[in-house]
Every structure is written in C-alpha cells, then in structure tokens.
C-alpha cells in the first residue's frame, strides 16, 4: 500500500529515501510477525502447563480421597481447609460443614483430651510433627474411639503455613 501510494511521486533523488523507508517498514512487519508467533507459542505452552497442573492436582486429590486413613489439612490458624472422604464417613460430617471452621470448634472434646498443646506447637512451627498413639477420643456422633494421629507441619517458602493430620 505504501509503494502504490508513493510510486507516482518518486524521482531519482528520492529513491534512496524510499528504499530506507521500505526496509524499515518491512523490518517492522517481520519483527511484529515473529513476536506474534512467539506469543502464540508461549500461549500454547502455558495452556499445556495449566492442563498438566490440573491433571496432577486431580491425581493428588484422587489419591487423598482413596486413602482409608483420615486426612485433615489445617491452615495456620487451625481452620480446616481440606477433609477427605475417610474422615467424612468416619465422623458423618460433610466437608461443606467443616471447611473454614476451626478443628477444636468441630471437635471440642479434643481440648480436654490433650490435643491442644501438640497441635498449637505444630501450627506455630515449634515442632515439625507429633504422633499420638492409642489416643482416646469421645466423638460426638460415634461415641468413644481410639485413634492413632500423626500431625505434620506444612511450610510455604520456609514459613509454617498449616498442618496435615493423618488419623
């Protein structure tokens, strides 16, 4: 389009000027094309990575849900952020009813049964883990049960970010 517009007005002196302008325009067009192609490739790569992350997340969720042991994930304040099917079935409490609530609010008997101190130490990062074997617990719906419980500290960038309880 540029060539068609200026061709009738060209004289011999302006030919060098025309050549420079054409080279700049051509270089700009090629550069824009290369950038567009690179951007499209990066978009496709990010989409593939997002799919991979989603698939891995689904796999991990499936593994946790398949465990017969109860898995409870707590945030730094002790609120439930994940609750697997085994705990849901064992205590007859759906995950929708527990997510975001403090563990000791859900299981008030844990306070007098000795779970408070090891759990608080774990959440503060003062202990990397705790183990309670043959832990007697008076559950609200199932009566007295004996549990083995292991708590492990979660860290994010070296900072305590919560805990995982395996029951």
N, C-alpha and C. Protein backbone atom coordinates (compact mmCIF):
# COMPACT_ATOMS: atom_id res chain seq x y z
N UNK A 1 0.83 -1.18 0.00
CA UNK A 1 0.00 0.00 0.00
C UNK A 1 0.88 1.25 0.00
N UNK A 2 1.93 1.22 0.74
CA UNK A 2 2.85 2.37 0.79
C UNK A 2 3.47 2.59 -0.58
N UNK A 3 3.90 1.49 -1.21
CA UNK A 3 4.52 1.58 -2.53
C UNK A 3 3.55 2.14 -3.55
N UNK A 4 2.31 1.68 -3.56
CA UNK A 4 1.32 2.17 -4.51
C UNK A 4 1.02 3.65 -4.29
N UNK A 5 1.06 4.08 -3.07
CA UNK A 5 0.75 5.47 -2.74
C UNK A 5 1.85 6.42 -3.21
N UNK A 6 3.10 6.04 -3.04
CA UNK A 6 4.18 6.98 -3.33
C UNK A 6 4.84 6.77 -4.69
N UNK A 7 4.60 5.67 -5.39
CA UNK A 7 5.29 5.36 -6.66
C UNK A 7 5.16 6.48 -7.69
N UNK A 8 3.97 7.01 -7.87
CA UNK A 8 3.87 8.06 -8.91
C UNK A 8 4.65 9.33 -8.57
N UNK A 9 4.98 9.54 -7.30
CA UNK A 9 5.66 10.78 -6.91
C UNK A 9 7.17 10.63 -6.81
N UNK A 10 7.67 9.44 -7.03
CA UNK A 10 9.11 9.21 -6.87
C UNK A 10 9.91 9.82 -8.01
N UNK A 11 11.02 10.38 -7.64
CA UNK A 11 12.02 10.84 -8.61
C UNK A 11 13.32 10.17 -8.23
N UNK A 12 14.30 10.27 -9.03
CA UNK A 12 15.56 9.56 -8.82
C UNK A 12 16.22 9.92 -7.49
N UNK A 13 16.11 11.13 -7.03
CA UNK A 13 16.75 11.56 -5.79
C UNK A 13 16.08 10.91 -4.59
N UNK A 14 14.79 10.70 -4.66
CA UNK A 14 14.05 10.15 -3.53
C UNK A 14 14.10 8.62 -3.47
N UNK A 15 14.69 7.98 -4.42
CA UNK A 15 14.75 6.52 -4.46
C UNK A 15 15.48 5.94 -3.24
N UNK A 16 16.56 6.53 -2.81
CA UNK A 16 17.29 6.07 -1.61
C UNK A 16 16.42 6.22 -0.37
N UNK A 17 15.73 7.34 -0.26
CA UNK A 17 14.82 7.60 0.86
C UNK A 17 13.70 6.55 0.87
N UNK A 18 13.16 6.24 -0.30
CA UNK A 18 12.12 5.22 -0.43
C UNK A 18 12.64 3.85 0.00
N UNK A 19 13.84 3.51 -0.41
CA UNK A 19 14.43 2.22 -0.06
C UNK A 19 14.60 2.08 1.45
N UNK A 20 15.02 3.15 2.10
CA UNK A 20 15.21 3.11 3.56
C UNK A 20 13.86 2.95 4.26
N UNK A 21 12.88 3.71 3.83
CA UNK A 21 11.55 3.61 4.44
C UNK A 21 10.93 2.22 4.22
N UNK A 22 11.11 1.70 3.05
CA UNK A 22 10.58 0.36 2.75
C UNK A 22 11.27 -0.69 3.61
N UNK A 23 12.57 -0.57 3.77
CA UNK A 23 13.31 -1.53 4.62
C UNK A 23 12.85 -1.45 6.06
N UNK A 24 12.62 -0.23 6.56
CA UNK A 24 12.15 -0.07 7.94
C UNK A 24 10.75 -0.68 8.09
N UNK A 25 9.86 -0.39 7.14
CA UNK A 25 8.51 -0.96 7.20
C UNK A 25 8.55 -2.48 7.12
N UNK A 26 9.35 -3.01 6.21
CA UNK A 26 9.47 -4.46 6.06
C UNK A 26 10.05 -5.09 7.33
N UNK A 27 11.07 -4.46 7.90
CA UNK A 27 11.66 -4.96 9.15
C UNK A 27 10.66 -4.94 10.29
N UNK A 28 9.87 -3.87 10.37
CA UNK A 28 8.84 -3.77 11.42
C UNK A 28 7.80 -4.87 11.25
N UNK A 29 7.38 -5.10 10.01
CA UNK A 29 6.37 -6.13 9.74
C UNK A 29 6.90 -7.52 10.10
N UNK A 30 8.13 -7.78 9.72
CA UNK A 30 8.73 -9.09 10.04
C UNK A 30 8.89 -9.24 11.55
N UNK A 31 9.36 -8.19 12.22
CA UNK A 31 9.51 -8.24 13.68
C UNK A 31 8.19 -8.48 14.38
N UNK A 32 7.14 -7.78 13.92
CA UNK A 32 5.81 -7.99 14.52
C UNK A 32 5.32 -9.41 14.29
N UNK A 33 5.59 -9.95 13.11
CA UNK A 33 5.20 -11.33 12.82
C UNK A 33 5.92 -12.33 13.70
N UNK A 34 7.21 -12.11 13.90
CA UNK A 34 7.99 -13.00 14.77
C UNK A 34 7.48 -12.93 16.20
N UNK A 35 7.22 -11.70 16.69
CA UNK A 35 6.68 -11.54 18.05
C UNK A 35 5.32 -12.21 18.20
N UNK A 36 4.48 -12.07 17.19
CA UNK A 36 3.15 -12.70 17.25
C UNK A 36 3.27 -14.22 17.31
N UNK A 37 4.17 -14.77 16.52
CA UNK A 37 4.36 -16.23 16.52
C UNK A 37 4.91 -16.70 17.87
N UNK A 38 5.86 -15.96 18.41
CA UNK A 38 6.43 -16.30 19.72
C UNK A 38 5.36 -16.22 20.80
N UNK A 39 4.54 -15.19 20.76
CA UNK A 39 3.46 -15.05 21.74
C UNK A 39 2.48 -16.21 21.65
N UNK A 40 2.13 -16.62 20.45
CA UNK A 40 1.20 -17.74 20.26
C UNK A 40 1.80 -19.03 20.81
N UNK A 41 3.09 -19.26 20.55
CA UNK A 41 3.76 -20.45 21.08
C UNK A 41 3.76 -20.44 22.61
N UNK A 42 4.02 -19.29 23.20
CA UNK A 42 4.02 -19.17 24.66
C UNK A 42 2.62 -19.40 25.23
N UNK A 43 1.61 -18.88 24.56
CA UNK A 43 0.23 -19.12 24.99
C UNK A 43 -0.10 -20.61 24.99
N UNK A 44 0.29 -21.30 23.93
CA UNK A 44 0.05 -22.74 23.85
C UNK A 44 0.81 -23.49 24.94
N UNK A 45 2.06 -23.07 25.20
CA UNK A 45 2.86 -23.71 26.25
C UNK A 45 2.21 -23.51 27.62
N UNK A 46 1.73 -22.31 27.90
CA UNK A 46 1.06 -22.03 29.17
C UNK A 46 -0.22 -22.84 29.29
N UNK A 47 -0.96 -22.97 28.21
CA UNK A 47 -2.19 -23.78 28.24
C UNK A 47 -1.87 -25.24 28.55
N UNK A 48 -0.80 -25.77 27.93
CA UNK A 48 -0.39 -27.16 28.22
C UNK A 48 0.03 -27.32 29.67
N UNK A 49 0.81 -26.35 30.18
CA UNK A 49 1.24 -26.41 31.58
C UNK A 49 0.05 -26.33 32.52
N UNK A 50 -0.93 -25.51 32.21
CA UNK A 50 -2.13 -25.40 33.04
C UNK A 50 -2.89 -26.73 33.05
N UNK A 51 -2.98 -27.37 31.89
CA UNK A 51 -3.63 -28.68 31.83
C UNK A 51 -2.87 -29.70 32.66
N UNK A 52 -1.54 -29.68 32.56
CA UNK A 52 -0.72 -30.61 33.34
C UNK A 52 -0.93 -30.40 34.84
N UNK A 53 -0.94 -29.14 35.25
CA UNK A 53 -1.15 -28.83 36.67
C UNK A 53 -2.52 -29.32 37.11
N UNK A 54 -3.54 -29.09 36.30
CA UNK A 54 -4.89 -29.56 36.63
C UNK A 54 -4.95 -31.07 36.75
N UNK A 55 -4.27 -31.77 35.84
CA UNK A 55 -4.26 -33.23 35.88
C UNK A 55 -3.53 -33.74 37.12
N UNK A 56 -2.41 -33.11 37.46
CA UNK A 56 -1.67 -33.52 38.67
C UNK A 56 -2.49 -33.25 39.93
N UNK A 57 -3.15 -32.10 39.96
CA UNK A 57 -3.99 -31.77 41.11
C UNK A 57 -5.12 -32.78 41.26
N UNK A 58 -5.73 -33.16 40.16
CA UNK A 58 -6.81 -34.15 40.19
C UNK A 58 -6.27 -35.50 40.66
N UNK A 59 -5.06 -35.88 40.20
CA UNK A 59 -4.45 -37.14 40.62
C UNK A 59 -4.20 -37.14 42.13
N UNK A 60 -3.63 -36.05 42.64
CA UNK A 60 -3.35 -35.97 44.07
C UNK A 60 -4.64 -36.01 44.87
N UNK A 61 -5.66 -35.30 44.41
CA UNK A 61 -6.96 -35.31 45.08
C UNK A 61 -7.54 -36.73 45.10
N UNK A 62 -7.39 -37.44 43.98
CA UNK A 62 -7.89 -38.81 43.90
C UNK A 62 -7.15 -39.73 44.88
N UNK A 63 -5.83 -39.55 44.99
CA UNK A 63 -5.05 -40.37 45.93
C UNK A 63 -5.51 -40.10 47.36
N UNK A 64 -5.65 -38.83 47.72
CA UNK A 64 -6.06 -38.47 49.09
C UNK A 64 -7.46 -39.01 49.38
N UNK A 65 -8.35 -38.92 48.41
CA UNK A 65 -9.71 -39.41 48.61
C UNK A 65 -9.77 -40.94 48.71
N UNK A 66 -8.80 -41.62 48.11
CA UNK A 66 -8.78 -43.08 48.14
C UNK A 66 -8.21 -43.66 49.43
N UNK A 67 -7.52 -42.84 50.21
CA UNK A 67 -6.93 -43.32 51.45
C UNK A 67 -8.01 -43.73 52.44
N UNK A 68 -7.75 -44.80 53.15
CA UNK A 68 -8.68 -45.24 54.20
C UNK A 68 -8.43 -44.46 55.49
N UNK A 69 -7.24 -43.89 55.61
CA UNK A 69 -6.93 -43.06 56.76
C UNK A 69 -7.53 -41.68 56.53
N UNK A 70 -7.94 -41.08 57.63
CA UNK A 70 -8.48 -39.74 57.52
C UNK A 70 -7.37 -38.73 57.33
N UNK A 71 -7.59 -37.79 56.41
CA UNK A 71 -6.63 -36.71 56.17
C UNK A 71 -7.37 -35.40 56.39
N UNK A 72 -6.81 -34.60 57.30
CA UNK A 72 -7.36 -33.27 57.58
C UNK A 72 -6.23 -32.27 57.37
N UNK A 73 -6.48 -31.25 56.57
CA UNK A 73 -5.48 -30.21 56.34
C UNK A 73 -5.98 -28.95 57.03
N UNK A 74 -5.10 -28.36 57.81
CA UNK A 74 -5.43 -27.15 58.56
C UNK A 74 -4.59 -25.98 58.06
N UNK A 75 -5.19 -24.79 58.09
CA UNK A 75 -4.41 -23.61 57.77
C UNK A 75 -3.62 -23.20 59.02
N UNK A 76 -2.93 -22.11 58.94
CA UNK A 76 -2.05 -21.68 60.04
C UNK A 76 -2.81 -21.41 61.33
N UNK A 77 -4.08 -21.01 61.23
CA UNK A 77 -4.89 -20.71 62.42
C UNK A 77 -5.62 -21.95 62.96
N UNK A 78 -5.49 -23.09 62.27
CA UNK A 78 -6.14 -24.31 62.73
C UNK A 78 -7.51 -24.54 62.11
N UNK A 79 -7.85 -23.76 61.07
CA UNK A 79 -9.13 -23.96 60.38
C UNK A 79 -8.97 -25.04 59.32
N UNK A 80 -10.00 -25.83 59.14
CA UNK A 80 -9.97 -26.94 58.18
C UNK A 80 -10.01 -26.37 56.76
N UNK A 81 -9.01 -26.77 55.96
CA UNK A 81 -9.00 -26.36 54.56
C UNK A 81 -9.19 -27.54 53.61
N UNK A 82 -9.03 -28.76 54.12
CA UNK A 82 -9.31 -29.97 53.33
C UNK A 82 -9.67 -31.09 54.30
N UNK A 83 -10.49 -32.01 53.78
CA UNK A 83 -11.08 -33.06 54.63
C UNK A 83 -11.40 -34.20 53.67
N UNK A 84 -10.77 -35.35 53.82
CA UNK A 84 -11.03 -36.40 52.84
C UNK A 84 -12.25 -37.24 53.19
N UNK A 85 -12.59 -38.11 52.27
CA UNK A 85 -13.79 -38.94 52.39
C UNK A 85 -13.76 -39.84 53.63
N UNK A 86 -12.58 -40.36 53.99
CA UNK A 86 -12.49 -41.26 55.15
C UNK A 86 -12.91 -40.53 56.43
N UNK A 87 -12.51 -39.28 56.60
CA UNK A 87 -12.90 -38.52 57.80
C UNK A 87 -14.39 -38.20 57.71
N UNK A 88 -14.83 -37.85 56.53
CA UNK A 88 -16.25 -37.53 56.33
C UNK A 88 -17.13 -38.72 56.72
N UNK A 89 -16.75 -39.91 56.28
CA UNK A 89 -17.53 -41.11 56.61
C UNK A 89 -17.39 -41.50 58.08
N UNK A 90 -16.18 -41.39 58.61
CA UNK A 90 -15.92 -41.78 60.00
C UNK A 90 -16.72 -40.93 60.98
N UNK A 91 -16.80 -39.62 60.72
CA UNK A 91 -17.47 -38.72 61.65
C UNK A 91 -18.86 -38.28 61.19
N UNK A 92 -19.28 -38.73 60.01
CA UNK A 92 -20.59 -38.40 59.46
C UNK A 92 -20.81 -36.88 59.40
N UNK A 93 -19.75 -36.17 58.97
CA UNK A 93 -19.82 -34.72 58.81
C UNK A 93 -19.30 -34.40 57.41
N UNK A 94 -20.11 -33.74 56.61
CA UNK A 94 -19.69 -33.43 55.24
C UNK A 94 -18.63 -32.35 55.23
N UNK A 95 -17.83 -32.36 54.20
CA UNK A 95 -16.75 -31.38 54.09
C UNK A 95 -17.29 -29.96 53.99
N UNK A 96 -18.47 -29.77 53.41
CA UNK A 96 -19.06 -28.43 53.33
C UNK A 96 -19.35 -27.88 54.72
N UNK A 97 -19.62 -28.75 55.68
CA UNK A 97 -19.92 -28.31 57.04
C UNK A 97 -18.67 -27.98 57.86
N UNK A 98 -17.50 -28.38 57.38
CA UNK A 98 -16.28 -28.19 58.17
C UNK A 98 -15.30 -27.19 57.58
N UNK A 99 -15.33 -27.02 56.28
CA UNK A 99 -14.34 -26.15 55.64
C UNK A 99 -14.42 -24.74 56.21
N UNK A 100 -13.27 -24.23 56.62
CA UNK A 100 -13.19 -22.88 57.17
C UNK A 100 -13.43 -22.79 58.67
N UNK A 101 -13.84 -23.89 59.28
CA UNK A 101 -14.08 -23.88 60.74
C UNK A 101 -12.85 -24.42 61.46
N UNK A 102 -12.64 -23.94 62.69
CA UNK A 102 -11.50 -24.37 63.48
C UNK A 102 -11.72 -25.82 63.94
N UNK A 103 -10.66 -26.62 63.89
CA UNK A 103 -10.74 -28.03 64.26
C UNK A 103 -11.26 -28.21 65.68
N UNK A 104 -10.80 -27.38 66.61
CA UNK A 104 -11.21 -27.52 68.01
C UNK A 104 -12.65 -27.04 68.23
N UNK A 105 -13.19 -26.28 67.31
CA UNK A 105 -14.60 -25.92 67.35
C UNK A 105 -15.44 -27.11 66.90
N UNK A 106 -14.95 -27.84 65.91
CA UNK A 106 -15.66 -29.01 65.41
C UNK A 106 -15.61 -30.18 66.39
N UNK A 107 -14.45 -30.35 67.01
CA UNK A 107 -14.23 -31.45 67.94
C UNK A 107 -13.82 -30.86 69.29
N UNK A 108 -14.79 -30.35 70.00
CA UNK A 108 -14.49 -29.67 71.27
C UNK A 108 -13.87 -30.62 72.31
N UNK A 109 -14.13 -31.91 72.20
CA UNK A 109 -13.55 -32.86 73.15
C UNK A 109 -12.03 -32.97 73.02
N UNK A 110 -11.49 -32.62 71.86
CA UNK A 110 -10.03 -32.64 71.69
C UNK A 110 -9.35 -31.73 72.70
N UNK A 111 -10.04 -30.67 73.12
CA UNK A 111 -9.44 -29.72 74.07
C UNK A 111 -9.08 -30.41 75.38
N UNK A 112 -10.00 -31.18 75.93
CA UNK A 112 -9.73 -31.82 77.22
C UNK A 112 -8.99 -33.15 77.06
N UNK A 113 -8.91 -33.66 75.85
CA UNK A 113 -8.26 -34.95 75.62
C UNK A 113 -6.77 -34.83 75.31
N UNK A 114 -6.24 -33.61 75.29
CA UNK A 114 -4.80 -33.43 75.17
C UNK A 114 -4.27 -33.14 73.77
N UNK A 115 -5.12 -32.77 72.85
CA UNK A 115 -4.63 -32.48 71.51
C UNK A 115 -4.21 -31.01 71.34
N UNK A 116 -4.68 -30.13 72.19
CA UNK A 116 -4.44 -28.70 72.02
C UNK A 116 -2.95 -28.37 71.99
N UNK A 117 -2.19 -28.82 72.98
CA UNK A 117 -0.78 -28.44 73.06
C UNK A 117 0.03 -28.91 71.86
N UNK A 118 -0.01 -30.21 71.49
CA UNK A 118 0.80 -30.60 70.32
C UNK A 118 0.33 -29.92 69.03
N UNK A 119 -0.96 -29.70 68.89
CA UNK A 119 -1.48 -29.05 67.69
C UNK A 119 -1.02 -27.59 67.61
N UNK A 120 -1.08 -26.87 68.72
CA UNK A 120 -0.64 -25.47 68.72
C UNK A 120 0.85 -25.35 68.45
N UNK A 121 1.65 -26.24 69.04
CA UNK A 121 3.10 -26.23 68.78
C UNK A 121 3.38 -26.47 67.30
N UNK A 122 2.64 -27.40 66.73
CA UNK A 122 2.81 -27.72 65.32
C UNK A 122 2.46 -26.51 64.45
N UNK A 123 1.32 -25.89 64.72
CA UNK A 123 0.87 -24.76 63.91
C UNK A 123 1.78 -23.53 64.05
N UNK A 124 2.41 -23.38 65.19
CA UNK A 124 3.36 -22.27 65.39
C UNK A 124 4.73 -22.56 64.78
N UNK A 125 4.95 -23.81 64.38
CA UNK A 125 6.23 -24.19 63.80
C UNK A 125 7.27 -24.57 64.83
N UNK A 126 6.85 -24.77 66.07
CA UNK A 126 7.78 -25.13 67.14
C UNK A 126 8.12 -26.62 67.12
N UNK A 127 7.33 -27.41 66.42
CA UNK A 127 7.59 -28.84 66.27
C UNK A 127 7.27 -29.21 64.83
N UNK A 128 8.10 -30.04 64.20
CA UNK A 128 7.83 -30.42 62.81
C UNK A 128 6.72 -31.46 62.68
N UNK A 129 6.47 -32.18 63.78
CA UNK A 129 5.43 -33.22 63.75
C UNK A 129 5.09 -33.66 65.16
N UNK A 130 4.00 -34.39 65.27
CA UNK A 130 3.67 -35.06 66.53
C UNK A 130 2.97 -36.36 66.20
N UNK A 131 3.04 -37.30 67.14
CA UNK A 131 2.38 -38.58 66.99
C UNK A 131 1.66 -38.90 68.30
N UNK A 132 0.39 -39.24 68.19
CA UNK A 132 -0.40 -39.69 69.34
C UNK A 132 -0.91 -41.09 69.02
N UNK A 133 -0.44 -42.07 69.79
CA UNK A 133 -0.88 -43.45 69.55
C UNK A 133 -1.86 -43.85 70.64
N UNK A 134 -2.85 -44.61 70.23
CA UNK A 134 -3.91 -45.07 71.14
C UNK A 134 -4.55 -43.87 71.86
N UNK A 135 -4.81 -42.85 71.11
CA UNK A 135 -5.41 -41.62 71.60
C UNK A 135 -6.92 -41.83 71.76
N UNK A 136 -7.40 -41.74 72.98
CA UNK A 136 -8.83 -41.96 73.24
C UNK A 136 -9.59 -40.67 73.00
N UNK A 137 -10.63 -40.79 72.20
CA UNK A 137 -11.41 -39.61 71.82
C UNK A 137 -12.90 -39.93 71.94
N UNK A 138 -13.62 -39.02 72.55
CA UNK A 138 -15.07 -39.13 72.65
C UNK A 138 -15.66 -38.33 71.49
N UNK A 139 -16.03 -39.05 70.43
CA UNK A 139 -16.58 -38.37 69.27
C UNK A 139 -18.05 -38.02 69.52
N UNK A 140 -18.50 -36.99 68.86
CA UNK A 140 -19.86 -36.50 69.10
C UNK A 140 -20.93 -37.45 68.56
N UNK A 141 -20.65 -38.15 67.46
CA UNK A 141 -21.67 -38.99 66.83
C UNK A 141 -21.38 -40.48 66.91
N UNK A 142 -20.12 -40.86 67.14
CA UNK A 142 -19.74 -42.28 67.13
C UNK A 142 -19.37 -42.82 68.51
N UNK A 143 -19.38 -41.98 69.51
CA UNK A 143 -19.02 -42.44 70.85
C UNK A 143 -17.51 -42.49 71.02
N UNK A 144 -17.07 -43.28 71.98
CA UNK A 144 -15.64 -43.36 72.32
C UNK A 144 -14.90 -44.19 71.27
N UNK A 145 -13.80 -43.61 70.77
CA UNK A 145 -12.96 -44.29 69.79
C UNK A 145 -11.50 -44.14 70.19
N UNK A 146 -10.69 -45.06 69.72
CA UNK A 146 -9.25 -44.98 69.95
C UNK A 146 -8.59 -44.71 68.60
N UNK A 147 -7.79 -43.66 68.57
CA UNK A 147 -7.19 -43.21 67.32
C UNK A 147 -5.67 -43.20 67.41
N UNK A 148 -5.05 -43.36 66.27
CA UNK A 148 -3.65 -43.02 66.11
C UNK A 148 -3.66 -41.77 65.24
N UNK A 149 -2.96 -40.74 65.69
CA UNK A 149 -2.97 -39.49 64.95
C UNK A 149 -1.53 -39.01 64.77
N UNK A 150 -1.23 -38.61 63.56
CA UNK A 150 0.08 -38.04 63.26
C UNK A 150 -0.15 -36.68 62.62
N UNK A 151 0.52 -35.67 63.13
CA UNK A 151 0.44 -34.33 62.58
C UNK A 151 1.77 -33.93 61.99
N UNK A 152 1.74 -33.32 60.82
CA UNK A 152 2.97 -32.86 60.17
C UNK A 152 2.80 -31.40 59.78
N UNK A 153 3.85 -30.64 59.99
CA UNK A 153 3.85 -29.22 59.68
C UNK A 153 3.92 -28.99 58.18
N UNK A 154 3.12 -28.05 57.69
CA UNK A 154 3.22 -27.61 56.30
C UNK A 154 4.00 -26.30 56.29
N UNK A 155 4.90 -26.18 55.32
CA UNK A 155 5.67 -24.94 55.19
C UNK A 155 5.50 -24.42 53.77
N UNK A 156 5.47 -23.10 53.69
CA UNK A 156 5.43 -22.44 52.40
C UNK A 156 6.54 -21.40 52.41
N UNK A 157 7.54 -21.59 51.54
CA UNK A 157 8.71 -20.70 51.49
C UNK A 157 9.41 -20.66 52.85
N UNK A 158 9.46 -21.81 53.54
CA UNK A 158 10.16 -21.91 54.82
C UNK A 158 9.37 -21.42 56.02
N UNK A 159 8.16 -20.91 55.79
CA UNK A 159 7.34 -20.36 56.87
C UNK A 159 6.20 -21.32 57.16
N UNK A 160 5.91 -21.62 58.46
CA UNK A 160 4.78 -22.50 58.77
C UNK A 160 3.49 -21.96 58.16
N UNK A 161 2.78 -22.84 57.44
CA UNK A 161 1.55 -22.40 56.77
C UNK A 161 0.35 -23.26 57.14
N UNK A 162 0.54 -24.25 58.03
CA UNK A 162 -0.57 -25.10 58.42
C UNK A 162 -0.06 -26.46 58.81
N UNK A 163 -0.97 -27.42 58.78
CA UNK A 163 -0.62 -28.78 59.20
C UNK A 163 -1.49 -29.79 58.46
N UNK A 164 -0.97 -31.02 58.39
CA UNK A 164 -1.72 -32.15 57.87
C UNK A 164 -1.84 -33.14 59.00
N UNK A 165 -3.07 -33.57 59.27
CA UNK A 165 -3.30 -34.60 60.29
C UNK A 165 -3.71 -35.89 59.58
N UNK A 166 -3.04 -36.96 59.93
CA UNK A 166 -3.38 -38.28 59.41
C UNK A 166 -3.99 -39.05 60.57
N UNK A 167 -5.25 -39.47 60.44
CA UNK A 167 -5.97 -40.12 61.53
C UNK A 167 -6.29 -41.55 61.15
